[in-house]
Amino acid sequence: MPPYDPTLYARILTGLTLGFHIIFATIGVGVPVMIAIAEWLGIRRKDPHYLLLARRWARGFTITVAVGVVTGTSIGLQLNLLWPSFMQIAGQAIALPLFMETFAFFFEAIFLGIYLYTWDRFRNPWIHFAFVIPVVLGSSASAFFITAVNAFMNTPQGFTLVGRTIVDIDPLMAMFNPATPTKTAHVLSSAYMTSAFVLAGVAALSLLKGKQHDYYTKALKTTMTAALLFSLATAFIGDLSGKFLAEYQPEKLAAAEWHFETTNEASLIVGGVLTENNEIRYSLKIPYLLSILAFGRPDAVVQGLNEFPKEDTPPLVVHYFFDVMVGIGTLLIVLGLVYAANLWRSKRNGLDKPIPRFLLRGILWSGPLAMLAIECGWLFAEIGRQPWILRGYMKTAQGATTAAHVDWMLLLFSLLYALLGCTSWIILRRLFDRNTAEQEMAKRGIEGGNKP
């Protein structure tokens, strides 16, 4: 049996917590945007189907918020218990975004309660719609502030470290570090995109089951339109993120692309297998594309991994996470374009044909695939920063706890997350299976209406 290593267990537990939390955090950031879009469309078009969409999405959203609170609290607890040295040095510099994230969450929670309680209580529906705006702002702000903390870990600034004492702290400079713009923008856009695809998958499943009611076709059109727009935005921001890495974390970009030698006209490596001698096999090399990704020019010089000390370079496994993230992102854009083309062709020809089943099956899988891309993106971001927990200042092993029984913590939190995951799934299934959209439309006297 291998010897007990608290750093290893601390990394596994933190990674498990983040991996589980990000599912609910992504939904918690993106779904409020979709709720706001649906209610806005319902009021503007005087269409009860969109209003029912907003109402039902909001109910499910409350379940994910509750689980996200538990997992978010776990992260805060583990930062202090598992990474005490890191928090001792860096905690002072990043205290502002940590506090603002908590404030943003409470702001969101207060208005979410008001929003849920005040359905059908105002003659003017725009008053109720106004209450969802703070929910959207609060959830997005919460993601912004906590991502700024992660950005600080990649490009720390706003302080001076004298021994183990942090002085000359500038909280605003620490929060608005060079990684903040691209990192926060990418997190927000990908959360909006993923939530839209998840909700689109739910609508596609209903249509595949033969439920051809206008409610589901409108749900699919709304979510897929938003998903396509947000996926294009995510791709654009991803390009900016690549250029950021080339300037501020070139070793991370080189590891992601298995780019060992500094060269101009650098090729982009897609797929492949790396041998023990760093020989790349079975890959697709796209000429000039890495130089374009890094600096926007096909002749640009891209630093190779051999330029950096071996002990300061990330594990080369990040290449696979990067490829999966980019590959899924590209596939989702294609899926969105195919849906848009099918919709445009139907309207142009004046047809009212059902959406092809192959396309509905693709949309059904788009939600899980988008969430997988989110997970791979975070694995790439966190493993790609290694061996640093605070880049250039503190190695991961230096920031970890030396306490015993972290392995038991890992076991207990694993059981907690399994329980939370199963419970939330059961509650969501029962919530919507026992009160279907058809039943609710019948209670409210909502007719089929026109096809969207």
Protein backbone atom coordinates (compact mmCIF):
# COMPACT_ATOMS: atom_id res chain seq x y z
CA MET A 1 0.00 0.00 0.00
CA PRO A 2 1.49 3.43 -0.93
CA PRO A 3 2.47 5.75 1.93
CA TYR A 4 -0.04 8.34 3.11
CA ASP A 5 0.39 11.60 1.17
CA PRO A 6 -1.80 14.46 2.44
CA THR A 7 -1.02 16.61 -0.61
CA LEU A 8 -2.24 13.93 -3.00
CA TYR A 9 -5.46 13.40 -1.04
CA ALA A 10 -5.98 17.16 -0.74
CA ARG A 11 -5.67 17.53 -4.51
CA ILE A 12 -8.06 14.65 -5.19
CA LEU A 13 -10.65 15.95 -2.72
CA THR A 14 -10.46 19.51 -4.02
CA GLY A 15 -10.71 18.28 -7.60
CA LEU A 16 -13.69 16.07 -6.74
CA THR A 17 -15.45 18.95 -5.00
CA LEU A 18 -14.83 21.36 -7.86
CA GLY A 19 -15.84 18.77 -10.44
CA PHE A 20 -19.14 18.12 -8.67
CA HIS A 21 -19.81 21.75 -7.79
CA ILE A 22 -19.21 23.00 -11.31
CA ILE A 23 -22.24 21.05 -12.59
CA PHE A 24 -24.57 22.98 -10.31
CA ALA A 25 -22.61 26.22 -10.55
CA THR A 26 -22.84 26.16 -14.36
CA ILE A 27 -26.59 25.60 -14.23
CA GLY A 28 -26.88 28.21 -11.49
CA VAL A 29 -25.25 30.83 -13.71
CA GLY A 30 -26.83 29.95 -17.04
CA VAL A 31 -30.42 28.98 -16.28
CA PRO A 32 -31.42 32.41 -14.86
CA VAL A 33 -30.50 33.90 -18.23
CA MET A 34 -32.77 31.40 -19.99
CA ILE A 35 -35.58 32.07 -17.51
CA ALA A 36 -35.30 35.81 -18.20
CA ILE A 37 -35.33 35.24 -21.98
CA ALA A 38 -38.41 33.01 -21.79
CA GLU A 39 -40.37 35.39 -19.59
CA TRP A 40 -39.39 38.38 -21.73
CA LEU A 41 -40.61 36.57 -24.86
CA GLY A 42 -43.82 35.54 -23.11
CA ILE A 43 -44.67 39.07 -22.03
CA ARG A 44 -43.61 40.72 -25.29
CA ARG A 45 -45.49 38.23 -27.49
CA LYS A 46 -48.31 37.66 -24.98
CA ASP A 47 -47.58 33.96 -25.32
CA PRO A 48 -48.39 31.78 -22.26
CA HIS A 49 -46.12 28.98 -23.48
CA TYR A 50 -42.99 31.05 -22.87
CA LEU A 51 -44.30 32.17 -19.48
CA LEU A 52 -44.87 28.54 -18.53
CA LEU A 53 -41.34 27.73 -19.65
CA ALA A 54 -39.96 30.41 -17.34
CA ARG A 55 -42.12 29.19 -14.46
CA ARG A 56 -41.11 25.52 -14.81
CA TRP A 57 -37.42 26.27 -15.37
CA ALA A 58 -37.44 28.43 -12.23
CA ARG A 59 -38.80 25.53 -10.15
CA GLY A 60 -36.03 23.22 -11.26
CA PHE A 61 -33.49 25.97 -10.79
CA THR A 62 -34.23 26.23 -7.07
CA ILE A 63 -33.19 22.58 -6.58
CA THR A 64 -29.82 23.12 -8.25
CA VAL A 65 -29.27 26.29 -6.23
CA ALA A 66 -29.78 24.37 -2.98
CA VAL A 67 -27.21 21.74 -3.94
CA GLY A 68 -24.83 24.41 -5.22
CA VAL A 69 -24.93 26.11 -1.82
CA VAL A 70 -23.79 22.89 -0.12
CA THR A 71 -20.96 22.23 -2.56
CA GLY A 72 -19.91 25.88 -2.58
CA THR A 73 -19.70 25.82 1.20
CA SER A 74 -17.58 22.68 0.93
CA ILE A 75 -15.13 24.51 -1.32
CA GLY A 76 -14.80 27.37 1.16
CA LEU A 77 -14.23 24.90 3.99
CA GLN A 78 -11.64 22.93 2.05
CA LEU A 79 -9.69 26.02 1.03
CA ASN A 80 -8.98 26.69 4.68
CA LEU A 81 -8.56 23.10 5.86
CA LEU A 82 -6.65 21.60 2.95
CA TRP A 83 -4.66 24.63 1.74
CA PRO A 84 -3.80 26.60 4.90
CA SER A 85 -0.41 27.88 3.74
CA PHE A 86 -1.88 29.14 0.49
CA MET A 87 -4.71 30.92 2.29
CA GLN A 88 -2.28 32.38 4.83
CA ILE A 89 -0.29 34.10 2.10
CA ALA A 90 -2.80 34.69 -0.70
CA GLY A 91 -6.01 34.93 1.31
CA GLN A 92 -5.39 38.55 2.21
CA ALA A 93 -4.88 39.61 -1.39
CA ILE A 94 -8.00 37.86 -2.68
CA ALA A 95 -10.27 38.57 0.29
CA LEU A 96 -12.20 41.19 -1.71
CA PRO A 97 -13.51 38.89 -4.49
CA LEU A 98 -14.20 36.15 -1.93
CA PHE A 99 -16.35 38.56 0.06
CA MET A 100 -18.03 39.97 -3.05
CA GLU A 101 -18.89 36.44 -4.23
CA THR A 102 -20.75 35.81 -0.98
CA PHE A 103 -22.51 39.17 -1.26
CA ALA A 104 -23.52 38.42 -4.88
CA PHE A 105 -24.96 35.07 -3.85
CA PHE A 106 -27.10 36.59 -1.09
CA PHE A 107 -28.24 39.29 -3.52
CA GLU A 108 -29.28 36.55 -5.97
CA ALA A 109 -30.98 34.43 -3.28
CA ILE A 110 -33.07 37.32 -1.93
CA PHE A 111 -34.45 38.26 -5.33
CA LEU A 112 -34.93 34.61 -6.32
CA GLY A 113 -37.25 34.21 -3.35
CA ILE A 114 -39.15 37.37 -4.32
CA TYR A 115 -39.33 36.22 -7.95
CA LEU A 116 -40.75 32.81 -7.07
CA TYR A 117 -43.26 34.18 -4.56
CA THR A 118 -44.66 36.96 -6.75
CA TRP A 119 -45.83 34.98 -9.80
CA ASP A 120 -49.30 36.20 -10.88
CA ARG A 121 -49.36 38.88 -8.16
CA PHE A 122 -49.02 41.94 -10.40
CA ARG A 123 -51.36 43.26 -13.07
CA ASN A 124 -48.38 44.55 -14.97
CA PRO A 125 -46.23 41.45 -15.80
CA TRP A 126 -43.13 43.58 -16.37
CA ILE A 127 -42.96 44.22 -12.62
CA HIS A 128 -42.50 40.51 -11.98
CA PHE A 129 -39.99 40.28 -14.83
CA ALA A 130 -37.95 43.02 -13.16
CA PHE A 131 -37.28 40.69 -10.21
CA VAL A 132 -35.47 38.15 -12.37
CA ILE A 133 -32.88 40.72 -13.50
CA PRO A 134 -31.14 40.83 -10.06
CA VAL A 135 -31.12 37.03 -10.07
CA VAL A 136 -29.29 37.05 -13.41
CA LEU A 137 -26.89 39.76 -12.27
CA GLY A 138 -26.27 38.11 -8.90
CA SER A 139 -25.55 34.66 -10.33
CA SER A 140 -23.25 36.04 -13.03
CA ALA A 141 -21.49 38.34 -10.57
CA SER A 142 -20.96 35.42 -8.22
CA ALA A 143 -19.28 33.48 -11.02
CA PHE A 144 -17.22 36.53 -11.98
CA PHE A 145 -15.82 37.06 -8.48
CA ILE A 146 -14.97 33.44 -7.75
CA THR A 147 -13.35 33.08 -11.17
CA ALA A 148 -11.30 36.21 -10.46
CA VAL A 149 -9.85 34.30 -7.49
CA ASN A 150 -8.84 31.48 -9.80
CA ALA A 151 -7.44 33.99 -12.28
CA PHE A 152 -5.31 35.44 -9.47
CA MET A 153 -3.80 32.00 -8.90
CA ASN A 154 -2.67 31.96 -12.54
CA THR A 155 -1.36 35.53 -12.76
CA PRO A 156 -0.89 36.80 -9.19
CA GLN A 157 -0.30 40.50 -8.65
CA GLY A 158 -1.26 43.28 -6.26
CA PHE A 159 1.03 42.32 -3.38
CA THR A 160 4.64 41.90 -2.34
CA LEU A 161 5.84 38.73 -0.65
CA VAL A 162 8.58 39.18 1.95
CA GLY A 163 9.48 35.73 3.24
CA ARG A 164 6.09 34.35 4.26
CA THR A 165 4.62 37.77 4.92
CA ILE A 166 2.43 39.51 2.35
CA VAL A 167 2.73 43.32 2.23
CA ASP A 168 1.77 46.24 -0.03
CA ILE A 169 -1.60 44.70 -0.84
CA ASP A 170 -3.70 46.23 -3.60
CA PRO A 171 -7.00 44.26 -3.60
CA LEU A 172 -8.29 45.76 -6.85
CA MET A 173 -5.08 45.01 -8.71
CA ALA A 174 -5.14 41.47 -7.34
CA MET A 175 -8.73 40.94 -8.45
CA PHE A 176 -8.34 42.55 -11.88
CA ASN A 177 -5.21 40.63 -12.82
CA PRO A 178 -4.25 39.84 -16.45
CA ALA A 179 -6.13 36.51 -16.43
CA THR A 180 -9.41 37.98 -15.19
CA PRO A 181 -10.89 39.31 -18.48
CA THR A 182 -10.56 36.17 -20.58
CA LYS A 183 -11.09 33.70 -17.75
CA THR A 184 -14.28 35.28 -16.40
CA ALA A 185 -15.68 35.90 -19.88
CA HIS A 186 -15.05 32.30 -20.86
CA VAL A 187 -16.66 30.93 -17.69
CA LEU A 188 -19.77 33.08 -18.12
CA SER A 189 -20.28 32.42 -21.84
CA SER A 190 -19.69 28.68 -21.48
CA ALA A 191 -22.15 28.53 -18.54
CA TYR A 192 -24.82 30.29 -20.60
CA MET A 193 -24.11 27.99 -23.55
CA THR A 194 -24.15 24.79 -21.51
CA SER A 195 -27.39 25.66 -19.71
CA ALA A 196 -29.06 26.43 -23.02
CA PHE A 197 -27.97 23.07 -24.44
CA VAL A 198 -29.11 21.23 -21.30
CA LEU A 199 -32.59 22.77 -21.56
CA ALA A 200 -32.62 22.13 -25.31
CA GLY A 201 -31.86 18.48 -24.61
CA VAL A 202 -34.87 18.27 -22.28
CA ALA A 203 -37.12 19.71 -25.02
CA ALA A 204 -35.61 17.37 -27.62
CA LEU A 205 -36.31 14.37 -25.39
CA SER A 206 -39.98 15.33 -25.14
CA LEU A 207 -40.23 15.70 -28.92
CA LEU A 208 -38.55 12.33 -29.44
CA LYS A 209 -41.22 10.83 -27.18
CA GLY A 210 -43.85 12.12 -29.58
CA LYS A 211 -44.93 15.22 -27.68
CA GLN A 212 -45.40 17.61 -30.62
CA HIS A 213 -47.10 20.36 -28.60
CA ASP A 214 -46.13 23.95 -29.41
CA TYR A 215 -44.75 24.29 -25.90
CA TYR A 216 -41.87 21.93 -26.68
CA THR A 217 -41.09 23.28 -30.15
CA LYS A 218 -40.96 26.81 -28.75
CA ALA A 219 -38.74 25.60 -25.92
CA LEU A 220 -36.38 24.01 -28.43
CA LYS A 221 -36.27 27.05 -30.69
CA THR A 222 -35.56 29.41 -27.79
CA THR A 223 -32.85 27.27 -26.22
CA MET A 224 -31.11 26.31 -29.47
CA THR A 225 -31.04 29.92 -30.69
CA ALA A 226 -29.44 30.99 -27.41
CA ALA A 227 -27.10 27.98 -27.44
CA LEU A 228 -25.80 28.82 -30.93
CA LEU A 229 -25.17 32.47 -30.04
CA PHE A 230 -23.43 31.61 -26.77
CA SER A 231 -21.37 28.84 -28.37
CA LEU A 232 -20.08 31.27 -31.00
CA ALA A 233 -19.25 33.76 -28.24
CA THR A 234 -17.45 31.02 -26.30
CA ALA A 235 -15.36 30.12 -29.34
CA PHE A 236 -14.39 33.76 -29.85
CA ILE A 237 -13.41 34.16 -26.19
CA GLY A 238 -11.55 30.84 -26.37
CA ASP A 239 -9.41 32.31 -29.14
CA LEU A 240 -8.60 35.28 -26.89
CA SER A 241 -7.77 32.82 -24.08
CA GLY A 242 -5.25 31.10 -26.33
CA LYS A 243 -3.55 34.41 -27.03
CA PHE A 244 -3.53 35.16 -23.29
CA LEU A 245 -1.76 31.85 -22.61
CA ALA A 246 0.82 32.55 -25.30
CA GLU A 247 1.74 35.81 -23.55
CA TYR A 248 1.36 34.98 -19.84
CA GLN A 249 1.51 31.18 -19.53
CA PRO A 250 3.39 29.93 -22.59
CA GLU A 251 4.36 26.67 -20.86
CA LYS A 252 0.67 25.84 -20.40
CA LEU A 253 -0.10 26.42 -24.08
CA ALA A 254 2.96 24.40 -25.11
CA ALA A 255 1.91 21.49 -22.89
CA ALA A 256 -1.64 21.61 -24.26
CA GLU A 257 -0.30 21.33 -27.82
CA TRP A 258 2.71 19.06 -27.18
CA HIS A 259 4.83 21.83 -28.64
CA PHE A 260 8.37 21.04 -27.49
CA GLU A 261 10.67 23.13 -29.69
CA THR A 262 10.42 26.89 -30.15
CA THR A 263 9.58 27.57 -33.76
CA ASN A 264 7.73 29.82 -36.12
CA GLU A 265 4.87 28.62 -38.34
CA ALA A 266 3.92 26.25 -35.52
CA SER A 267 1.43 23.49 -36.27
CA LEU A 268 -1.57 22.65 -34.13
CA ILE A 269 -1.60 19.06 -32.88
CA VAL A 270 -5.03 17.42 -32.83
CA GLY A 271 -5.40 14.07 -31.08
CA GLY A 272 -2.46 11.71 -31.04
CA VAL A 273 -0.60 9.57 -28.53
CA LEU A 274 2.61 10.59 -26.79
CA THR A 275 5.33 7.98 -26.29
CA GLU A 276 7.83 7.88 -23.45
CA ASN A 277 10.36 9.62 -25.70
CA ASN A 278 7.90 12.48 -26.38
CA GLU A 279 7.27 11.19 -29.88
CA ILE A 280 3.79 12.11 -31.15
CA ARG A 281 1.92 9.40 -33.04
CA TYR A 282 -1.48 9.14 -34.73
CA SER A 283 -2.08 12.89 -34.61
CA LEU A 284 -3.42 15.39 -37.09
CA LYS A 285 -1.09 18.36 -37.63
CA ILE A 286 -2.66 21.53 -38.96
CA PRO A 287 0.11 23.80 -40.33
CA TYR A 288 0.42 27.38 -39.03
CA LEU A 289 -2.67 27.10 -36.81
CA LEU A 290 -0.85 27.17 -33.44
CA SER A 291 0.98 30.36 -34.46
CA ILE A 292 -2.34 31.87 -35.50
CA LEU A 293 -4.00 30.78 -32.24
CA ALA A 294 -1.13 32.18 -30.17
CA PHE A 295 -0.42 35.48 -31.90
CA GLY A 296 -2.81 35.85 -34.84
CA ARG A 297 -0.06 35.42 -37.47
CA PRO A 298 0.92 32.25 -39.34
CA ASP A 299 4.64 33.11 -39.09
CA ALA A 300 4.66 33.91 -35.34
CA VAL A 301 7.23 32.24 -33.09
CA VAL A 302 5.69 30.02 -30.39
CA GLN A 303 7.76 29.03 -27.36
CA GLY A 304 8.37 25.32 -26.89
CA LEU A 305 8.13 23.34 -23.68
CA ASN A 306 11.87 22.64 -23.70
CA GLU A 307 12.47 26.34 -22.94
CA PHE A 308 11.23 25.87 -19.37
CA PRO A 309 12.68 23.94 -16.42
CA LYS A 310 11.18 20.46 -16.40
CA GLU A 311 10.10 20.78 -12.77
CA ASP A 312 8.00 23.85 -13.66
CA THR A 313 6.10 22.41 -16.63
CA PRO A 314 2.56 21.03 -16.50
CA PRO A 315 1.70 17.35 -17.00
CA LEU A 316 1.36 16.59 -20.68
CA VAL A 317 -1.98 14.87 -20.11
CA VAL A 318 -3.58 18.33 -20.39
CA HIS A 319 -3.41 17.90 -24.16
CA TYR A 320 -6.28 15.40 -24.03
CA PHE A 321 -8.47 17.66 -21.90
CA PHE A 322 -7.79 20.57 -24.24
CA ASP A 323 -8.65 18.50 -27.32
CA VAL A 324 -11.90 17.19 -25.82
CA MET A 325 -12.95 20.70 -24.78
CA VAL A 326 -12.24 22.24 -28.18
CA GLY A 327 -13.62 19.25 -30.08
CA ILE A 328 -16.94 19.30 -28.24
CA GLY A 329 -17.18 23.06 -28.60
CA THR A 330 -16.72 22.77 -32.36
CA LEU A 331 -19.28 19.96 -32.57
CA LEU A 332 -21.84 22.02 -30.65
CA ILE A 333 -21.42 24.98 -33.01
CA VAL A 334 -21.99 22.66 -35.98
CA LEU A 335 -25.08 21.23 -34.27
CA GLY A 336 -26.46 24.72 -33.67
CA LEU A 337 -25.82 25.70 -37.29
CA VAL A 338 -27.53 22.54 -38.59
CA TYR A 339 -30.58 23.28 -36.43
CA ALA A 340 -30.65 26.90 -37.63
CA ALA A 341 -30.35 25.79 -41.26
CA ASN A 342 -33.17 23.29 -40.82
CA LEU A 343 -35.36 25.96 -39.24
CA TRP A 344 -34.54 28.50 -41.98
CA ARG A 345 -35.26 25.98 -44.75
CA SER A 346 -38.63 25.08 -43.21
CA LYS A 347 -39.65 28.73 -42.98
CA ARG A 348 -38.41 29.51 -46.49
CA ASN A 349 -40.39 26.64 -48.01
CA GLY A 350 -43.43 27.34 -45.90
CA LEU A 351 -43.31 23.81 -44.47
CA ASP A 352 -44.28 22.64 -41.02
CA LYS A 353 -42.39 19.36 -40.92
CA PRO A 354 -41.26 17.71 -37.68
CA ILE A 355 -37.61 18.22 -36.81
CA PRO A 356 -35.56 15.24 -38.09
CA ARG A 357 -35.02 12.61 -35.40
CA PHE A 358 -31.27 12.46 -36.01
CA LEU A 359 -31.08 16.17 -35.20
CA LEU A 360 -33.20 15.75 -32.08
CA ARG A 361 -30.93 12.92 -30.92
CA GLY A 362 -27.91 15.15 -31.42
CA ILE A 363 -29.54 17.93 -29.41
CA LEU A 364 -30.46 15.42 -26.70
CA TRP A 365 -26.76 14.61 -26.24
CA SER A 366 -25.64 18.23 -26.53
CA GLY A 367 -26.33 18.98 -22.84
CA PRO A 368 -24.16 16.16 -21.41
CA LEU A 369 -21.47 16.88 -23.99
CA ALA A 370 -21.42 20.58 -23.12
CA MET A 371 -21.10 19.72 -19.44
CA LEU A 372 -18.25 17.31 -20.27
CA ALA A 373 -16.52 20.15 -22.12
CA ILE A 374 -16.92 22.34 -19.01
CA GLU A 375 -15.31 19.63 -16.86
CA CYS A 376 -12.44 19.12 -19.31
CA GLY A 377 -11.92 22.87 -19.49
CA TRP A 378 -11.51 23.12 -15.74
CA LEU A 379 -9.23 20.08 -15.65
CA PHE A 380 -7.10 21.74 -18.31
CA ALA A 381 -7.10 25.03 -16.42
CA GLU A 382 -6.17 23.53 -13.04
CA ILE A 383 -3.78 20.76 -14.08
CA GLY A 384 -2.24 23.09 -16.65
CA ARG A 385 -1.21 25.46 -13.84
CA GLN A 386 0.75 22.74 -12.05
CA PRO A 387 3.09 22.50 -10.27
CA TRP A 388 1.98 25.91 -8.97
CA ILE A 389 -0.94 26.72 -6.72
CA LEU A 390 0.09 30.39 -6.91
CA ARG A 391 2.06 30.68 -10.09
CA GLY A 392 5.61 31.88 -9.56
CA TYR A 393 5.23 32.13 -5.77
CA MET A 394 4.07 28.84 -4.25
CA LYS A 395 4.14 25.24 -5.42
CA THR A 396 1.07 23.10 -4.81
CA ALA A 397 2.88 20.88 -2.30
CA GLN A 398 3.94 23.97 -0.31
CA GLY A 399 0.35 25.17 0.03
CA ALA A 400 -1.18 21.86 1.10
CA THR A 401 -1.99 20.66 4.58
CA THR A 402 0.24 18.19 6.41
CA ALA A 403 -2.60 16.93 8.60
CA ALA A 404 -3.61 13.30 8.91
CA HIS A 405 -6.94 11.75 7.91
CA VAL A 406 -7.44 13.72 4.68
CA ASP A 407 -8.16 10.32 3.12
CA TRP A 408 -11.13 9.92 5.48
CA MET A 409 -12.33 13.38 4.50
CA LEU A 410 -12.18 12.28 0.88
CA LEU A 411 -14.34 9.25 1.64
CA LEU A 412 -16.93 11.24 3.62
CA PHE A 413 -17.24 14.01 1.03
CA SER A 414 -17.49 11.41 -1.77
CA LEU A 415 -20.47 9.86 0.04
CA LEU A 416 -21.98 13.32 0.54
CA TYR A 417 -21.71 14.16 -3.16
CA ALA A 418 -23.16 10.78 -4.16
CA LEU A 419 -26.11 11.40 -1.84
CA LEU A 420 -26.61 14.96 -3.11
CA GLY A 421 -26.40 13.89 -6.75
CA CYS A 422 -28.89 11.04 -6.37
CA THR A 423 -31.27 13.11 -4.24
CA SER A 424 -31.31 16.08 -6.63
CA TRP A 425 -31.92 13.76 -9.59
CA ILE A 426 -34.84 12.02 -7.84
CA ILE A 427 -36.40 15.31 -6.74
CA LEU A 428 -36.13 16.86 -10.20
CA ARG A 429 -37.63 13.78 -11.86
CA ARG A 430 -40.55 13.70 -9.43
CA LEU A 431 -41.04 17.45 -9.63
CA PHE A 432 -41.66 17.35 -13.37
CA ASP A 433 -43.03 13.83 -13.85
CA ARG A 434 -45.86 14.40 -11.37
CA ASN A 435 -46.71 17.79 -12.83
CA THR A 436 -46.16 17.61 -16.57
CA ALA A 437 -46.32 20.58 -18.91
CA GLU A 438 -49.52 19.18 -20.43
CA GLN A 439 -51.19 18.95 -17.03
CA GLU A 440 -50.16 22.45 -16.14
CA MET A 441 -51.32 23.85 -19.47
CA ALA A 442 -54.68 22.14 -18.97
CA LYS A 443 -55.03 23.67 -15.50
CA ARG A 444 -54.22 27.13 -16.84
CA GLY A 445 -56.33 26.79 -19.97
CA ILE A 446 -53.36 27.19 -22.32
CA GLU A 447 -54.11 26.09 -25.87
CA GLY A 448 -51.70 24.90 -28.55
CA GLY A 449 -51.43 28.21 -30.36
CA ASN A 450 -49.45 28.81 -33.53
CA LYS A 451 -46.28 26.97 -34.42
CA PRO A 452 -43.20 29.14 -33.72
